[in-house]
PDB file of all heavy atoms in Angstrom:
ATOM      1  N   PRO A   1     -28.651  31.597 -25.298  1.00  0.00           N
ATOM      2  CA  PRO A   1     -27.581  31.272 -24.369  1.00  0.00           C
ATOM      3  C   PRO A   1     -27.853  31.975 -23.138  1.00  0.00           C
ATOM      4  O   PRO A   1     -28.346  33.116 -23.100  1.00  0.00           O
ATOM      5  CB  PRO A   1     -26.367  31.846 -25.106  1.00  0.00           C
ATOM      6  CG  PRO A   1     -26.835  32.931 -26.117  1.00  0.00           C
ATOM      7  CD  PRO A   1     -28.220  32.356 -26.526  1.00  0.00           C
ATOM      8  N   ASP A   2     -27.304  31.350 -21.961  1.00  0.00           N
ATOM      9  CA  ASP A   2     -27.545  32.013 -20.713  1.00  0.00           C
ATOM     10  C   ASP A   2     -26.607  33.133 -20.610  1.00  0.00           C
ATOM     11  O   ASP A   2     -25.564  33.290 -21.136  1.00  0.00           O
ATOM     12  CB  ASP A   2     -27.217  30.986 -19.631  1.00  0.00           C
ATOM     13  CG  ASP A   2     -27.886  31.356 -18.228  1.00  0.00           C
ATOM     14  OD1 ASP A   2     -28.653  32.441 -18.125  1.00  0.00           O
ATOM     15  OD2 ASP A   2     -27.556  30.662 -17.222  1.00  0.00           O
ATOM     16  N   LEU A   3     -27.072  34.182 -19.895  1.00  0.00           N
ATOM     17  CA  LEU A   3     -26.290  35.461 -19.677  1.00  0.00           C
ATOM     18  C   LEU A   3     -25.541  35.414 -18.376  1.00  0.00           C
ATOM     19  O   LEU A   3     -25.910  34.665 -17.518  1.00  0.00           O
ATOM     20  CB  LEU A   3     -27.328  36.697 -19.688  1.00  0.00           C
ATOM     21  CG  LEU A   3     -28.071  36.896 -20.975  1.00  0.00           C
ATOM     22  CD1 LEU A   3     -29.254  37.973 -20.719  1.00  0.00           C
ATOM     23  CD2 LEU A   3     -27.164  37.514 -22.067  1.00  0.00           C
ATOM     24  N   PRO A   4     -24.429  36.237 -18.317  1.00  0.00           N
ATOM     25  CA  PRO A   4     -23.692  36.244 -17.060  1.00  0.00           C
ATOM     26  C   PRO A   4     -24.440  37.003 -16.013  1.00  0.00           C
ATOM     27  O   PRO A   4     -25.427  37.722 -16.318  1.00  0.00           O
ATOM     28  CB  PRO A   4     -22.427  37.020 -17.514  1.00  0.00           C
ATOM     29  CG  PRO A   4     -22.894  37.826 -18.703  1.00  0.00           C
ATOM     30  CD  PRO A   4     -23.898  37.071 -19.495  1.00  0.00           C
ATOM     31  N   TYR A   5     -23.939  36.700 -14.829  1.00  0.00           N
ATOM     32  CA  TYR A   5     -24.599  37.283 -13.501  1.00  0.00           C
ATOM     33  C   TYR A   5     -23.449  37.988 -12.868  1.00  0.00           C
ATOM     34  O   TYR A   5     -23.055  37.612 -11.784  1.00  0.00           O
ATOM     35  CB  TYR A   5     -25.189  36.271 -12.652  1.00  0.00           C
ATOM     36  CG  TYR A   5     -26.309  35.497 -13.481  1.00  0.00           C
ATOM     37  CD1 TYR A   5     -26.079  34.279 -14.160  1.00  0.00           C
ATOM     38  CD2 TYR A   5     -27.583  35.888 -13.393  1.00  0.00           C
ATOM     39  CE1 TYR A   5     -27.057  33.631 -14.809  1.00  0.00           C
ATOM     40  CE2 TYR A   5     -28.612  35.296 -14.038  1.00  0.00           C
ATOM     41  CZ  TYR A   5     -28.365  34.153 -14.838  1.00  0.00           C
ATOM     42  OH  TYR A   5     -29.356  33.435 -15.474  1.00  0.00           O
ATOM     43  N   PRO A   6     -23.040  39.156 -13.340  1.00  0.00           N
ATOM     44  CA  PRO A   6     -21.867  39.880 -12.748  1.00  0.00           C
ATOM     45  C   PRO A   6     -22.112  40.436 -11.522  1.00  0.00           C
ATOM     46  O   PRO A   6     -23.188  41.055 -11.181  1.00  0.00           O
ATOM     47  CB  PRO A   6     -21.557  40.982 -13.897  1.00  0.00           C
ATOM     48  CG  PRO A   6     -22.926  41.218 -14.438  1.00  0.00           C
ATOM     49  CD  PRO A   6     -23.601  39.952 -14.520  1.00  0.00           C
ATOM     50  N   GLU A   7     -21.038  40.447 -10.551  1.00  0.00           N
ATOM     51  CA  GLU A   7     -21.200  41.209  -9.390  1.00  0.00           C
ATOM     52  C   GLU A   7     -21.063  42.568  -9.470  1.00  0.00           C
ATOM     53  O   GLU A   7     -21.505  43.363  -8.615  1.00  0.00           O
ATOM     54  CB  GLU A   7     -20.104  40.523  -8.469  1.00  0.00           C
ATOM     55  CG  GLU A   7     -19.926  41.015  -7.031  1.00  0.00           C
ATOM     56  CD  GLU A   7     -19.121  42.376  -6.865  1.00  0.00           C
ATOM     57  OE1 GLU A   7     -18.332  42.543  -7.901  1.00  0.00           O
ATOM     58  OE2 GLU A   7     -19.309  43.139  -6.050  1.00  0.00           O
ATOM     59  N   ALA A   8     -20.334  42.965 -10.454  1.00  0.00           N
ATOM     60  CA  ALA A   8     -20.062  44.412 -10.622  1.00  0.00           C
ATOM     61  C   ALA A   8     -21.324  45.150 -11.066  1.00  0.00           C
ATOM     62  O   ALA A   8     -22.005  44.701 -11.922  1.00  0.00           O
ATOM     63  CB  ALA A   8     -18.981  44.672 -11.779  1.00  0.00           C
ATOM     64  N   PHE A   9     -21.453  46.362 -10.436  1.00  0.00           N
ATOM     65  CA  PHE A   9     -22.638  47.172 -10.811  1.00  0.00           C
ATOM     66  C   PHE A   9     -22.236  48.737 -10.710  1.00  0.00           C
ATOM     67  O   PHE A   9     -21.283  49.080  -9.981  1.00  0.00           O
ATOM     68  CB  PHE A   9     -23.869  46.976  -9.849  1.00  0.00           C
ATOM     69  CG  PHE A   9     -23.638  47.178  -8.430  1.00  0.00           C
ATOM     70  CD1 PHE A   9     -23.682  48.488  -7.878  1.00  0.00           C
ATOM     71  CD2 PHE A   9     -23.382  46.166  -7.536  1.00  0.00           C
ATOM     72  CE1 PHE A   9     -23.367  48.862  -6.583  1.00  0.00           C
ATOM     73  CE2 PHE A   9     -23.192  46.366  -6.185  1.00  0.00           C
ATOM     74  CZ  PHE A   9     -23.086  47.766  -5.673  1.00  0.00           C
ATOM     75  N   ILE A  10     -22.950  49.616 -11.507  1.00  0.00           N
ATOM     76  CA  ILE A  10     -22.817  51.042 -11.310  1.00  0.00           C
ATOM     77  C   ILE A  10     -24.306  51.646 -11.342  1.00  0.00           C
ATOM     78  O   ILE A  10     -25.178  51.271 -12.225  1.00  0.00           O
ATOM     79  CB  ILE A  10     -22.122  51.557 -12.523  1.00  0.00           C
ATOM     80  CG1 ILE A  10     -20.758  51.122 -12.592  1.00  0.00           C
ATOM     81  CG2 ILE A  10     -22.200  53.061 -12.552  1.00  0.00           C
ATOM     82  CD1 ILE A  10     -19.977  51.512 -13.805  1.00  0.00           C
ATOM     83  N   VAL A  11     -24.458  52.306 -10.187  1.00  0.00           N
ATOM     84  CA  VAL A  11     -25.902  52.888  -9.961  1.00  0.00           C
ATOM     85  C   VAL A  11     -25.715  54.301  -9.993  1.00  0.00           C
ATOM     86  O   VAL A  11     -24.875  54.981  -9.258  1.00  0.00           O
ATOM     87  CB  VAL A  11     -26.357  52.518  -8.585  1.00  0.00           C
ATOM     88  CG1 VAL A  11     -27.861  53.041  -8.354  1.00  0.00           C
ATOM     89  CG2 VAL A  11     -26.224  50.985  -8.420  1.00  0.00           C
ATOM     90  N   MET A  12     -26.375  55.020 -10.902  1.00  0.00           N
ATOM     91  CA  MET A  12     -26.274  56.484 -11.070  1.00  0.00           C
ATOM     92  C   MET A  12     -27.662  57.048 -11.352  1.00  0.00           C
ATOM     93  O   MET A  12     -28.602  56.438 -11.837  1.00  0.00           O
ATOM     94  CB  MET A  12     -25.379  56.715 -12.088  1.00  0.00           C
ATOM     95  CG  MET A  12     -25.357  55.961 -13.458  1.00  0.00           C
ATOM     96  SD  MET A  12     -24.035  56.426 -14.563  1.00  0.00           S
ATOM     97  CE  MET A  12     -24.432  55.376 -15.950  1.00  0.00           C
ATOM     98  N   GLY A  13     -27.789  58.290 -10.918  1.00  0.00           N
ATOM     99  CA  GLY A  13     -29.016  58.957 -11.058  1.00  0.00           C
ATOM    100  C   GLY A  13     -29.299  60.099 -10.128  1.00  0.00           C
ATOM    101  O   GLY A  13     -28.406  60.567  -9.299  1.00  0.00           O
ATOM    102  N   ASP A  14     -30.582  60.494 -10.057  1.00  0.00           N
ATOM    103  CA  ASP A  14     -30.956  61.504  -9.002  1.00  0.00           C
ATOM    104  C   ASP A  14     -31.469  60.865  -7.920  1.00  0.00           C
ATOM    105  O   ASP A  14     -32.555  60.305  -7.791  1.00  0.00           O
ATOM    106  CB  ASP A  14     -32.087  62.381  -9.802  1.00  0.00           C
ATOM    107  CG  ASP A  14     -32.648  63.439  -8.881  1.00  0.00           C
ATOM    108  OD1 ASP A  14     -32.161  63.539  -7.750  1.00  0.00           O
ATOM    109  OD2 ASP A  14     -33.684  63.967  -9.249  1.00  0.00           O
ATOM    110  N   PHE A  15     -30.719  60.910  -6.762  1.00  0.00           N
ATOM    111  CA  PHE A  15     -31.049  60.385  -5.452  1.00  0.00           C
ATOM    112  C   PHE A  15     -31.827  61.246  -4.592  1.00  0.00           C
ATOM    113  O   PHE A  15     -32.362  60.765  -3.552  1.00  0.00           O
ATOM    114  CB  PHE A  15     -29.859  59.673  -4.781  1.00  0.00           C
ATOM    115  CG  PHE A  15     -29.287  58.475  -5.543  1.00  0.00           C
ATOM    116  CD1 PHE A  15     -28.590  58.607  -6.741  1.00  0.00           C
ATOM    117  CD2 PHE A  15     -29.507  57.179  -4.990  1.00  0.00           C
ATOM    118  CE1 PHE A  15     -28.199  57.383  -7.337  1.00  0.00           C
ATOM    119  CE2 PHE A  15     -29.031  56.133  -5.485  1.00  0.00           C
ATOM    120  CZ  PHE A  15     -28.400  56.231  -6.732  1.00  0.00           C
ATOM    121  N   ASN A  16     -31.854  62.455  -4.764  1.00  0.00           N
ATOM    122  CA  ASN A  16     -32.550  63.567  -4.030  1.00  0.00           C
ATOM    123  C   ASN A  16     -32.156  63.509  -2.509  1.00  0.00           C
ATOM    124  O   ASN A  16     -32.925  63.777  -1.668  1.00  0.00           O
ATOM    125  CB  ASN A  16     -34.076  63.353  -4.154  1.00  0.00           C
ATOM    126  CG  ASN A  16     -34.585  64.026  -5.336  1.00  0.00           C
ATOM    127  OD1 ASN A  16     -34.418  65.220  -5.578  1.00  0.00           O
ATOM    128  ND2 ASN A  16     -35.417  63.235  -6.165  1.00  0.00           N
ATOM    129  N   MET A  17     -30.913  63.069  -2.257  1.00  0.00           N
ATOM    130  CA  MET A  17     -30.403  63.040  -0.818  1.00  0.00           C
ATOM    131  C   MET A  17     -29.080  63.751  -0.833  1.00  0.00           C
ATOM    132  O   MET A  17     -28.411  64.002  -1.922  1.00  0.00           O
ATOM    133  CB  MET A  17     -30.113  61.540  -0.454  1.00  0.00           C
ATOM    134  CG  MET A  17     -29.164  60.871  -1.287  1.00  0.00           C
ATOM    135  SD  MET A  17     -29.180  59.097  -0.765  1.00  0.00           S
ATOM    136  CE  MET A  17     -27.821  58.471  -1.844  1.00  0.00           C
ATOM    137  N   LEU A  18     -28.642  64.130   0.381  1.00  0.00           N
ATOM    138  CA  LEU A  18     -27.541  64.866   0.642  1.00  0.00           C
ATOM    139  C   LEU A  18     -26.403  63.908   1.126  1.00  0.00           C
ATOM    140  O   LEU A  18     -26.709  62.955   1.767  1.00  0.00           O
ATOM    141  CB  LEU A  18     -27.674  65.920   1.591  1.00  0.00           C
ATOM    142  CG  LEU A  18     -28.640  67.060   1.247  1.00  0.00           C
ATOM    143  CD1 LEU A  18     -28.735  67.955   2.389  1.00  0.00           C
ATOM    144  CD2 LEU A  18     -28.276  67.702  -0.065  1.00  0.00           C
ATOM    145  N   PRO A  19     -25.141  64.181   0.803  1.00  0.00           N
ATOM    146  CA  PRO A  19     -24.106  63.271   1.260  1.00  0.00           C
ATOM    147  C   PRO A  19     -24.100  63.197   2.768  1.00  0.00           C
ATOM    148  O   PRO A  19     -24.450  64.137   3.578  1.00  0.00           O
ATOM    149  CB  PRO A  19     -22.809  64.045   0.885  1.00  0.00           C
ATOM    150  CG  PRO A  19     -23.200  64.837  -0.367  1.00  0.00           C
ATOM    151  CD  PRO A  19     -24.651  65.197  -0.026  1.00  0.00           C
ATOM    152  N   GLY A  20     -24.081  61.912   3.389  1.00  0.00           N
ATOM    153  CA  GLY A  20     -23.975  61.638   4.774  1.00  0.00           C
ATOM    154  C   GLY A  20     -25.345  61.548   5.378  1.00  0.00           C
ATOM    155  O   GLY A  20     -25.367  61.379   6.596  1.00  0.00           O
ATOM    156  N   SER A  21     -26.432  61.825   4.631  1.00  0.00           N
ATOM    157  CA  SER A  21     -27.710  61.609   5.096  1.00  0.00           C
ATOM    158  C   SER A  21     -28.021  60.162   5.541  1.00  0.00           C
ATOM    159  O   SER A  21     -27.292  59.368   5.054  1.00  0.00           O
ATOM    160  CB  SER A  21     -28.804  62.095   4.157  1.00  0.00           C
ATOM    161  OG  SER A  21     -28.906  61.239   3.059  1.00  0.00           O
ATOM    162  N   PRO A  22     -29.029  59.825   6.380  1.00  0.00           N
ATOM    163  CA  PRO A  22     -29.394  58.421   6.695  1.00  0.00           C
ATOM    164  C   PRO A  22     -29.637  57.470   5.529  1.00  0.00           C
ATOM    165  O   PRO A  22     -29.127  56.372   5.547  1.00  0.00           O
ATOM    166  CB  PRO A  22     -30.654  58.553   7.574  1.00  0.00           C
ATOM    167  CG  PRO A  22     -30.530  60.015   8.193  1.00  0.00           C
ATOM    168  CD  PRO A  22     -29.936  60.804   7.076  1.00  0.00           C
ATOM    169  N   GLU A  23     -30.292  58.029   4.386  1.00  0.00           N
ATOM    170  CA  GLU A  23     -30.539  57.214   3.392  1.00  0.00           C
ATOM    171  C   GLU A  23     -29.127  57.001   2.514  1.00  0.00           C
ATOM    172  O   GLU A  23     -28.942  55.923   1.917  1.00  0.00           O
ATOM    173  CB  GLU A  23     -31.604  57.732   2.423  1.00  0.00           C
ATOM    174  CG  GLU A  23     -31.312  59.166   1.970  1.00  0.00           C
ATOM    175  CD  GLU A  23     -31.960  60.302   2.874  1.00  0.00           C
ATOM    176  OE1 GLU A  23     -31.895  60.086   4.141  1.00  0.00           O
ATOM    177  OE2 GLU A  23     -32.538  61.285   2.324  1.00  0.00           O
ATOM    178  N   TYR A  24     -28.221  57.891   2.606  1.00  0.00           N
ATOM    179  CA  TYR A  24     -26.975  57.806   1.909  1.00  0.00           C
ATOM    180  C   TYR A  24     -26.233  56.701   2.668  1.00  0.00           C
ATOM    181  O   TYR A  24     -25.580  55.892   2.047  1.00  0.00           O
ATOM    182  CB  TYR A  24     -26.216  59.105   1.902  1.00  0.00           C
ATOM    183  CG  TYR A  24     -24.840  59.059   1.509  1.00  0.00           C
ATOM    184  CD1 TYR A  24     -24.513  59.422   0.195  1.00  0.00           C
ATOM    185  CD2 TYR A  24     -23.807  58.796   2.437  1.00  0.00           C
ATOM    186  CE1 TYR A  24     -23.109  59.460  -0.132  1.00  0.00           C
ATOM    187  CE2 TYR A  24     -22.461  58.766   1.904  1.00  0.00           C
ATOM    188  CZ  TYR A  24     -22.199  59.081   0.709  1.00  0.00           C
ATOM    189  OH  TYR A  24     -20.846  59.006   0.327  1.00  0.00           O
ATOM    190  N   VAL A  25     -26.213  56.808   3.987  1.00  0.00           N
ATOM    191  CA  VAL A  25     -25.571  55.863   4.830  1.00  0.00           C
ATOM    192  C   VAL A  25     -26.008  54.312   4.477  1.00  0.00           C
ATOM    193  O   VAL A  25     -25.226  53.409   4.579  1.00  0.00           O
ATOM    194  CB  VAL A  25     -25.551  56.141   6.246  1.00  0.00           C
ATOM    195  CG1 VAL A  25     -25.064  55.193   7.242  1.00  0.00           C
ATOM    196  CG2 VAL A  25     -24.867  57.542   6.492  1.00  0.00           C
ATOM    197  N   GLU A  26     -27.326  54.276   4.397  1.00  0.00           N
ATOM    198  CA  GLU A  26     -27.980  53.016   4.055  1.00  0.00           C
ATOM    199  C   GLU A  26     -27.255  52.316   2.868  1.00  0.00           C
ATOM    200  O   GLU A  26     -27.205  51.035   2.743  1.00  0.00           O
ATOM    201  CB  GLU A  26     -29.376  53.266   3.874  1.00  0.00           C
ATOM    202  CG  GLU A  26     -30.160  51.866   3.731  1.00  0.00           C
ATOM    203  CD  GLU A  26     -30.526  51.283   5.127  1.00  0.00           C
ATOM    204  OE1 GLU A  26     -30.866  52.084   6.061  1.00  0.00           O
ATOM    205  OE2 GLU A  26     -30.482  50.087   5.335  1.00  0.00           O
ATOM    206  N   LEU A  27     -26.865  53.169   1.787  1.00  0.00           N
ATOM    207  CA  LEU A  27     -26.262  52.514   0.645  1.00  0.00           C
ATOM    208  C   LEU A  27     -24.692  52.467   0.682  1.00  0.00           C
ATOM    209  O   LEU A  27     -24.080  51.564   0.220  1.00  0.00           O
ATOM    210  CB  LEU A  27     -26.718  53.477  -0.540  1.00  0.00           C
ATOM    211  CG  LEU A  27     -26.251  52.962  -2.000  1.00  0.00           C
ATOM    212  CD1 LEU A  27     -26.825  51.504  -2.255  1.00  0.00           C
ATOM    213  CD2 LEU A  27     -26.712  53.854  -3.086  1.00  0.00           C
ATOM    214  N   ALA A  28     -24.108  53.531   1.171  1.00  0.00           N
ATOM    215  CA  ALA A  28     -22.723  53.739   1.048  1.00  0.00           C
ATOM    216  C   ALA A  28     -21.948  53.642   2.353  1.00  0.00           C
ATOM    217  O   ALA A  28     -20.689  53.580   2.369  1.00  0.00           O
ATOM    218  CB  ALA A  28     -22.380  55.007   0.355  1.00  0.00           C
ATOM    219  N   GLY A  29     -22.640  53.673   3.427  1.00  0.00           N
ATOM    220  CA  GLY A  29     -21.966  53.546   4.866  1.00  0.00           C
ATOM    221  C   GLY A  29     -21.494  54.975   5.164  1.00  0.00           C
ATOM    222  O   GLY A  29     -21.656  55.919   4.593  1.00  0.00           O
ATOM    223  N   ARG A  30     -20.733  54.918   6.292  1.00  0.00           N
ATOM    224  CA  ARG A  30     -20.175  56.126   6.933  1.00  0.00           C
ATOM    225  C   ARG A  30     -18.771  56.013   7.270  1.00  0.00           C
ATOM    226  O   ARG A  30     -18.355  54.853   7.586  1.00  0.00           O
ATOM    227  CB  ARG A  30     -20.938  56.551   8.120  1.00  0.00           C
ATOM    228  CG  ARG A  30     -20.970  55.790   9.295  1.00  0.00           C
ATOM    229  CD  ARG A  30     -21.456  56.485  10.585  1.00  0.00           C
ATOM    230  NE  ARG A  30     -22.794  57.002  10.367  1.00  0.00           N
ATOM    231  CZ  ARG A  30     -23.939  56.364  10.750  1.00  0.00           C
ATOM    232  NH1 ARG A  30     -23.666  54.984  11.244  1.00  0.00           N
ATOM    233  NH2 ARG A  30     -25.117  56.786  10.523  1.00  0.00           N
ATOM    234  N   PRO A  31     -17.842  57.010   7.238  1.00  0.00           N
ATOM    235  CA  PRO A  31     -16.519  56.744   7.602  1.00  0.00           C
ATOM    236  C   PRO A  31     -16.275  56.369   8.937  1.00  0.00           C
ATOM    237  O   PRO A  31     -17.000  56.900   9.969  1.00  0.00           O
ATOM    238  CB  PRO A  31     -15.907  58.102   7.225  1.00  0.00           C
ATOM    239  CG  PRO A  31     -16.848  58.846   6.365  1.00  0.00           C
ATOM    240  CD  PRO A  31     -18.213  58.320   6.839  1.00  0.00           C
ATOM    241  N   ASP A  32     -15.261  55.516   9.275  1.00  0.00           N
ATOM    242  CA  ASP A  32     -14.949  55.184  10.600  1.00  0.00           C
ATOM    243  C   ASP A  32     -13.931  56.348  11.032  1.00  0.00           C
ATOM    244  O   ASP A  32     -13.123  56.895  10.322  1.00  0.00           O
ATOM    245  CB  ASP A  32     -14.072  53.943  10.519  1.00  0.00           C
ATOM    246  CG  ASP A  32     -13.525  53.514  11.866  1.00  0.00           C
ATOM    247  OD1 ASP A  32     -14.383  53.129  12.705  1.00  0.00           O
ATOM    248  OD2 ASP A  32     -12.302  53.579  12.126  1.00  0.00           O
ATOM    249  N   HIS A  33     -13.913  56.657  12.383  1.00  0.00           N
ATOM    250  CA  HIS A  33     -13.052  57.680  12.782  1.00  0.00           C
ATOM    251  C   HIS A  33     -11.540  57.455  12.652  1.00  0.00           C
ATOM    252  O   HIS A  33     -10.723  58.388  12.575  1.00  0.00           O
ATOM    253  CB  HIS A  33     -13.229  57.843  14.429  1.00  0.00           C
ATOM    254  CG  HIS A  33     -12.897  56.701  15.222  1.00  0.00           C
ATOM    255  ND1 HIS A  33     -11.702  56.580  15.718  1.00  0.00           N
ATOM    256  CD2 HIS A  33     -13.724  55.733  15.579  1.00  0.00           C
ATOM    257  CE1 HIS A  33     -11.713  55.421  16.564  1.00  0.00           C
ATOM    258  NE2 HIS A  33     -12.879  54.893  16.325  1.00  0.00           N
ATOM    259  N   GLU A  34     -11.149  56.118  12.494  1.00  0.00           N
ATOM    260  CA  GLU A  34      -9.683  55.829  12.413  1.00  0.00           C
ATOM    261  C   GLU A  34      -9.306  55.402  10.949  1.00  0.00           C
ATOM    262  O   GLU A  34      -8.271  55.849  10.388  1.00  0.00           O
ATOM    263  CB  GLU A  34      -9.497  54.678  13.372  1.00  0.00           C
ATOM    264  CG  GLU A  34      -7.941  54.221  13.409  1.00  0.00           C
ATOM    265  CD  GLU A  34      -7.020  55.268  13.995  1.00  0.00           C
ATOM    266  OE1 GLU A  34      -7.499  56.151  14.796  1.00  0.00           O
ATOM    267  OE2 GLU A  34      -5.884  55.361  13.625  1.00  0.00           O
ATOM    268  N   PHE A  35     -10.300  54.627  10.296  1.00  0.00           N
ATOM    269  CA  PHE A  35      -9.863  53.958   8.999  1.00  0.00           C
ATOM    270  C   PHE A  35     -10.561  54.459   7.819  1.00  0.00           C
ATOM    271  O   PHE A  35     -10.390  54.050   6.716  1.00  0.00           O
ATOM    272  CB  PHE A  35     -10.138  52.441   9.094  1.00  0.00           C
ATOM    273  CG  PHE A  35      -9.344  51.785  10.145  1.00  0.00           C
ATOM    274  CD1 PHE A  35      -9.821  51.474  11.415  1.00  0.00           C
ATOM    275  CD2 PHE A  35      -7.977  51.432   9.943  1.00  0.00           C
ATOM    276  CE1 PHE A  35      -9.123  50.810  12.348  1.00  0.00           C
ATOM    277  CE2 PHE A  35      -7.169  50.792  10.943  1.00  0.00           C
ATOM    278  CZ  PHE A  35      -7.774  50.457  12.126  1.00  0.00           C
ATOM    279  N   GLY A  36     -11.487  55.505   8.004  1.00  0.00           N
ATOM    280  CA  GLY A  36     -12.143  56.127   6.781  1.00  0.00           C
ATOM    281  C   GLY A  36     -13.265  55.288   6.299  1.00  0.00           C
ATOM    282  O   GLY A  36     -13.815  54.381   7.057  1.00  0.00           O
ATOM    283  N   MET A  37     -13.669  55.545   5.177  1.00  0.00           N
ATOM    284  CA  MET A  37     -14.826  54.755   4.540  1.00  0.00           C
ATOM    285  C   MET A  37     -14.445  53.316   4.239  1.00  0.00           C
ATOM    286  O   MET A  37     -13.435  53.087   3.488  1.00  0.00           O
ATOM    287  CB  MET A  37     -15.214  55.488   3.214  1.00  0.00           C
ATOM    288  CG  MET A  37     -16.488  54.955   2.682  1.00  0.00           C
ATOM    289  SD  MET A  37     -18.073  55.303   3.851  1.00  0.00           S
ATOM    290  CE  MET A  37     -18.421  56.979   3.217  1.00  0.00           C
ATOM    291  N   PRO A  38     -15.209  52.407   4.748  1.00  0.00           N
ATOM    292  CA  PRO A  38     -14.840  50.966   4.535  1.00  0.00           C
ATOM    293  C   PRO A  38     -15.115  50.601   3.075  1.00  0.00           C
ATOM    294  O   PRO A  38     -15.987  51.143   2.408  1.00  0.00           O
ATOM    295  CB  PRO A  38     -15.846  50.275   5.464  1.00  0.00           C
ATOM    296  CG  PRO A  38     -16.988  51.166   5.683  1.00  0.00           C
ATOM    297  CD  PRO A  38     -16.310  52.578   5.608  1.00  0.00           C
ATOM    298  N   LEU A  39     -14.338  49.769   2.555  1.00  0.00           N
ATOM    299  CA  LEU A  39     -14.491  49.304   1.211  1.00  0.00           C
ATOM    300  C   LEU A  39     -14.860  47.787   1.312  1.00  0.00           C
ATOM    301  O   LEU A  39     -14.007  46.880   1.517  1.00  0.00           O
ATOM    302  CB  LEU A  39     -13.250  49.338   0.340  1.00  0.00           C
ATOM    303  CG  LEU A  39     -13.322  48.943  -1.146  1.00  0.00           C
ATOM    304  CD1 LEU A  39     -14.199  49.789  -1.873  1.00  0.00           C
ATOM    305  CD2 LEU A  39     -12.031  48.961  -1.844  1.00  0.00           C
ATOM    306  N   THR A  40     -16.207  47.507   1.394  1.00  0.00           N
ATOM    307  CA  THR A  40     -16.699  46.129   1.640  1.00  0.00           C
ATOM    308  C   THR A  40     -17.794  45.788   0.616  1.00  0.00           C
ATOM    309  O   THR A  40     -18.324  46.645  -0.052  1.00  0.00           O
ATOM    310  CB  THR A  40     -17.348  46.038   3.045  1.00  0.00           C
ATOM    311  OG1 THR A  40     -18.409  46.980   3.050  1.00  0.00           O
ATOM    312  CG2 THR A  40     -16.403  46.414   4.149  1.00  0.00           C
ATOM    313  N   ALA A  41     -17.865  44.522   0.334  1.00  0.00           N
ATOM    314  CA  ALA A  41     -18.787  44.044  -0.663  1.00  0.00           C
ATOM    315  C   ALA A  41     -20.240  44.281  -0.445  1.00  0.00           C
ATOM    316  O   ALA A  41     -21.043  44.155  -1.382  1.00  0.00           O
ATOM    317  CB  ALA A  41     -18.649  42.545  -0.779  1.00  0.00           C
ATOM    318  N   ASP A  42     -20.540  44.564   0.845  1.00  0.00           N
ATOM    319  CA  ASP A  42     -22.053  44.851   1.030  1.00  0.00           C
ATOM    320  C   ASP A  42     -22.524  46.195   1.000  1.00  0.00           C
ATOM    321  O   ASP A  42     -23.566  46.557   1.349  1.00  0.00           O
ATOM    322  CB  ASP A  42     -22.401  44.319   2.366  1.00  0.00           C
ATOM    323  CG  ASP A  42     -21.557  44.875   3.624  1.00  0.00           C
ATOM    324  OD1 ASP A  42     -20.493  45.491   3.260  1.00  0.00           O
ATOM    325  OD2 ASP A  42     -22.162  44.954   4.716  1.00  0.00           O
ATOM    326  N   LEU A  43     -21.495  47.237   0.613  1.00  0.00           N
ATOM    327  CA  LEU A  43     -21.870  48.580   0.407  1.00  0.00           C
ATOM    328  C   LEU A  43     -21.421  49.062  -0.927  1.00  0.00           C
ATOM    329  O   LEU A  43     -20.454  48.656  -1.579  1.00  0.00           O
ATOM    330  CB  LEU A  43     -21.013  49.392   1.512  1.00  0.00           C
ATOM    331  CG  LEU A  43     -21.513  49.248   2.979  1.00  0.00           C
ATOM    332  CD1 LEU A  43     -20.587  49.992   3.892  1.00  0.00           C
ATOM    333  CD2 LEU A  43     -22.887  49.801   3.188  1.00  0.00           C
TER     334      LEU A  43
END
């Protein structure tokens, strides 16, 4: 049987990066000065 292709994911592990670093922003984004951290499907 074909398997599902879920949109939901959980990525965890040792990223060797600090919060707010450029590589962190690449994955999770950065807070907006007015609205905070965006909740969007591409981050």
